Amino acid sequence: MMKYEALFEDEDNVFGGSPKSKFMDVVFTANNDVVRYDLEQIIQKMAAMELMLEKHVGEDIDRAVEQFAFEYSAECDMKTKSLFVELTGSIVSKSE
């Protein structure tokens, strides 16, 4: 079970909206420095993951990612929602 799977049972009722909508609300209202820091961390993590993928699947990362996302669409959807909740919590906890 994903970290926050229970929160997604009724997507329109997760703290007044979906994980994505709540994340967007927080990003646009939170302390700018906190949001910038977390976005920088996300980009650094993405860079490392892309380099790892290049070593394992070659240069055509986009195709490999699209194929994986298609094959594991339900899991990817849940992981996306979980990451939205996790990032929202990270920003909120640093902004207070």
C-alpha atoms as a PDB file:
ATOM      1  CA  MET A   1       0.000   0.000   0.000  1.00  0.00           C
ATOM      2  CA  MET A   2       1.307   3.452  -0.904  1.00  0.00           C
ATOM      3  CA  LYS A   3       1.965   5.902   1.905  1.00  0.00           C
ATOM      4  CA  TYR A   4      -1.174   7.952   1.381  1.00  0.00           C
ATOM      5  CA  GLU A   5      -3.428   5.541  -0.534  1.00  0.00           C
ATOM      6  CA  ALA A   6      -6.315   5.855   1.941  1.00  0.00           C
ATOM      7  CA  LEU A   7      -6.519   9.574   1.188  1.00  0.00           C
ATOM      8  CA  PHE A   8      -7.328   8.897  -2.464  1.00  0.00           C
ATOM      9  CA  GLU A   9     -10.460   6.811  -2.026  1.00  0.00           C
ATOM     10  CA  ASP A  10     -12.630   9.877  -2.669  1.00  0.00           C
ATOM     11  CA  GLU A  11     -10.388  12.139  -4.723  1.00  0.00           C
ATOM     12  CA  ASP A  12     -12.780  15.083  -4.686  1.00  0.00           C
ATOM     13  CA  ASN A  13     -12.931  15.060  -0.896  1.00  0.00           C
ATOM     14  CA  VAL A  14      -9.244  14.969   0.064  1.00  0.00           C
ATOM     15  CA  PHE A  15      -8.960  17.961   2.361  1.00  0.00           C
ATOM     16  CA  GLY A  16     -11.320  19.843   0.052  1.00  0.00           C
ATOM     17  CA  GLY A  17      -9.828  18.710  -3.270  1.00  0.00           C
ATOM     18  CA  SER A  18      -7.509  16.328  -5.046  1.00  0.00           C
ATOM     19  CA  PRO A  19      -3.857  15.948  -3.992  1.00  0.00           C
ATOM     20  CA  LYS A  20      -2.851  17.866  -7.130  1.00  0.00           C
ATOM     21  CA  SER A  21      -5.238  20.759  -6.467  1.00  0.00           C
ATOM     22  CA  LYS A  22      -4.150  21.055  -2.830  1.00  0.00           C
ATOM     23  CA  PHE A  23      -0.498  20.995  -3.896  1.00  0.00           C
ATOM     24  CA  MET A  24      -1.143  23.807  -6.384  1.00  0.00           C
ATOM     25  CA  ASP A  25      -2.979  25.823  -3.717  1.00  0.00           C
ATOM     26  CA  VAL A  26      -0.042  25.447  -1.337  1.00  0.00           C
ATOM     27  CA  VAL A  27       2.650  26.145  -3.941  1.00  0.00           C
ATOM     28  CA  PHE A  28       1.049  29.434  -4.922  1.00  0.00           C
ATOM     29  CA  THR A  29       0.404  30.623  -1.361  1.00  0.00           C
ATOM     30  CA  ALA A  30       3.379  29.297   0.620  1.00  0.00           C
ATOM     31  CA  ASN A  31       6.604  31.079   1.414  1.00  0.00           C
ATOM     32  CA  ASN A  32       8.400  31.626  -1.898  1.00  0.00           C
ATOM     33  CA  ASP A  33      11.807  30.598  -0.504  1.00  0.00           C
ATOM     34  CA  VAL A  34      10.424  27.298   0.792  1.00  0.00           C
ATOM     35  CA  VAL A  35       8.776  26.494  -2.545  1.00  0.00           C
ATOM     36  CA  ARG A  36      11.934  27.408  -4.470  1.00  0.00           C
ATOM     37  CA  TYR A  37      14.024  25.165  -2.211  1.00  0.00           C
ATOM     38  CA  ASP A  38      11.680  22.183  -2.599  1.00  0.00           C
ATOM     39  CA  LEU A  39      11.442  22.643  -6.378  1.00  0.00           C
ATOM     40  CA  GLU A  40      15.242  22.776  -6.579  1.00  0.00           C
ATOM     41  CA  GLN A  41      15.404  19.503  -4.625  1.00  0.00           C
ATOM     42  CA  ILE A  42      12.905  17.921  -7.030  1.00  0.00           C
ATOM     43  CA  ILE A  43      14.962  18.968 -10.071  1.00  0.00           C
ATOM     44  CA  GLN A  44      18.179  17.646  -8.500  1.00  0.00           C
ATOM     45  CA  LYS A  45      16.462  14.328  -7.781  1.00  0.00           C
ATOM     46  CA  MET A  46      15.118  14.179 -11.343  1.00  0.00           C
ATOM     47  CA  ALA A  47      18.605  14.823 -12.731  1.00  0.00           C
ATOM     48  CA  ALA A  48      20.019  11.930 -10.719  1.00  0.00           C
ATOM     49  CA  MET A  49      17.170   9.635 -11.769  1.00  0.00           C
ATOM     50  CA  GLU A  50      17.620  10.551 -15.444  1.00  0.00           C
ATOM     51  CA  LEU A  51      21.325   9.756 -15.228  1.00  0.00           C
ATOM     52  CA  MET A  52      20.498   6.416 -13.585  1.00  0.00           C
ATOM     53  CA  LEU A  53      17.999   5.633 -16.337  1.00  0.00           C
ATOM     54  CA  GLU A  54      20.486   6.586 -19.063  1.00  0.00           C
ATOM     55  CA  LYS A  55      22.901   4.035 -17.608  1.00  0.00           C
ATOM     56  CA  HIS A  56      20.214   1.311 -17.524  1.00  0.00           C
ATOM     57  CA  VAL A  57      18.043   1.945 -20.593  1.00  0.00           C
ATOM     58  CA  GLY A  58      20.178   4.149 -22.824  1.00  0.00           C
ATOM     59  CA  GLU A  59      19.519   7.563 -24.287  1.00  0.00           C
ATOM     60  CA  ASP A  60      15.829   7.095 -25.129  1.00  0.00           C
ATOM     61  CA  ILE A  61      14.610   7.789 -21.590  1.00  0.00           C
ATOM     62  CA  ASP A  62      11.339   9.405 -22.623  1.00  0.00           C
ATOM     63  CA  ARG A  63      10.225   6.332 -24.546  1.00  0.00           C
ATOM     64  CA  ALA A  64      11.187   4.004 -21.678  1.00  0.00           C
ATOM     65  CA  VAL A  65       9.344   6.165 -19.149  1.00  0.00           C
ATOM     66  CA  GLU A  66       6.233   6.402 -21.335  1.00  0.00           C
ATOM     67  CA  GLN A  67       6.211   2.627 -21.819  1.00  0.00           C
ATOM     68  CA  PHE A  68       6.648   2.014 -18.092  1.00  0.00           C
ATOM     69  CA  ALA A  69       3.916   4.538 -17.237  1.00  0.00           C
ATOM     70  CA  PHE A  70       1.572   2.811 -19.680  1.00  0.00           C
ATOM     71  CA  GLU A  71       2.294  -0.670 -18.328  1.00  0.00           C
ATOM     72  CA  TYR A  72       1.983   0.423 -14.692  1.00  0.00           C
ATOM     73  CA  SER A  73      -0.567   3.207 -15.062  1.00  0.00           C
ATOM     74  CA  ALA A  74      -2.492   2.480 -11.851  1.00  0.00           C
ATOM     75  CA  GLU A  75       0.671   2.324  -9.759  1.00  0.00           C
ATOM     76  CA  CYS A  76       2.035   5.471 -11.389  1.00  0.00           C
ATOM     77  CA  ASP A  77      -1.242   7.295 -10.723  1.00  0.00           C
ATOM     78  CA  MET A  78      -1.142   6.346  -7.040  1.00  0.00           C
ATOM     79  CA  LYS A  79       2.539   7.301  -6.765  1.00  0.00           C
ATOM     80  CA  THR A  80       1.831  10.669  -8.377  1.00  0.00           C
ATOM     81  CA  LYS A  81      -0.924  11.393  -5.873  1.00  0.00           C
ATOM     82  CA  SER A  82       1.285  10.222  -3.010  1.00  0.00           C
ATOM     83  CA  LEU A  83       4.079  12.544  -4.129  1.00  0.00           C
ATOM     84  CA  PHE A  84       1.667  15.495  -4.337  1.00  0.00           C
ATOM     85  CA  VAL A  85       0.605  14.830  -0.736  1.00  0.00           C
ATOM     86  CA  GLU A  86       4.206  14.363   0.408  1.00  0.00           C
ATOM     87  CA  LEU A  87       5.414  17.563  -1.267  1.00  0.00           C
ATOM     88  CA  THR A  88       2.431  19.531   0.035  1.00  0.00           C
ATOM     89  CA  GLY A  89       3.242  18.361   3.560  1.00  0.00           C
ATOM     90  CA  SER A  90       6.898  19.255   3.121  1.00  0.00           C
ATOM     91  CA  ILE A  91       6.101  22.798   1.990  1.00  0.00           C
ATOM     92  CA  VAL A  92       3.428  23.367   4.635  1.00  0.00           C
ATOM     93  CA  SER A  93       5.632  22.074   7.454  1.00  0.00           C
ATOM     94  CA  LYS A  94       8.477  24.419   6.458  1.00  0.00           C
ATOM     95  CA  SER A  95       6.230  27.448   5.928  1.00  0.00           C
ATOM     96  CA  GLU A  96       4.753  27.557   9.396  1.00  0.00           C
END
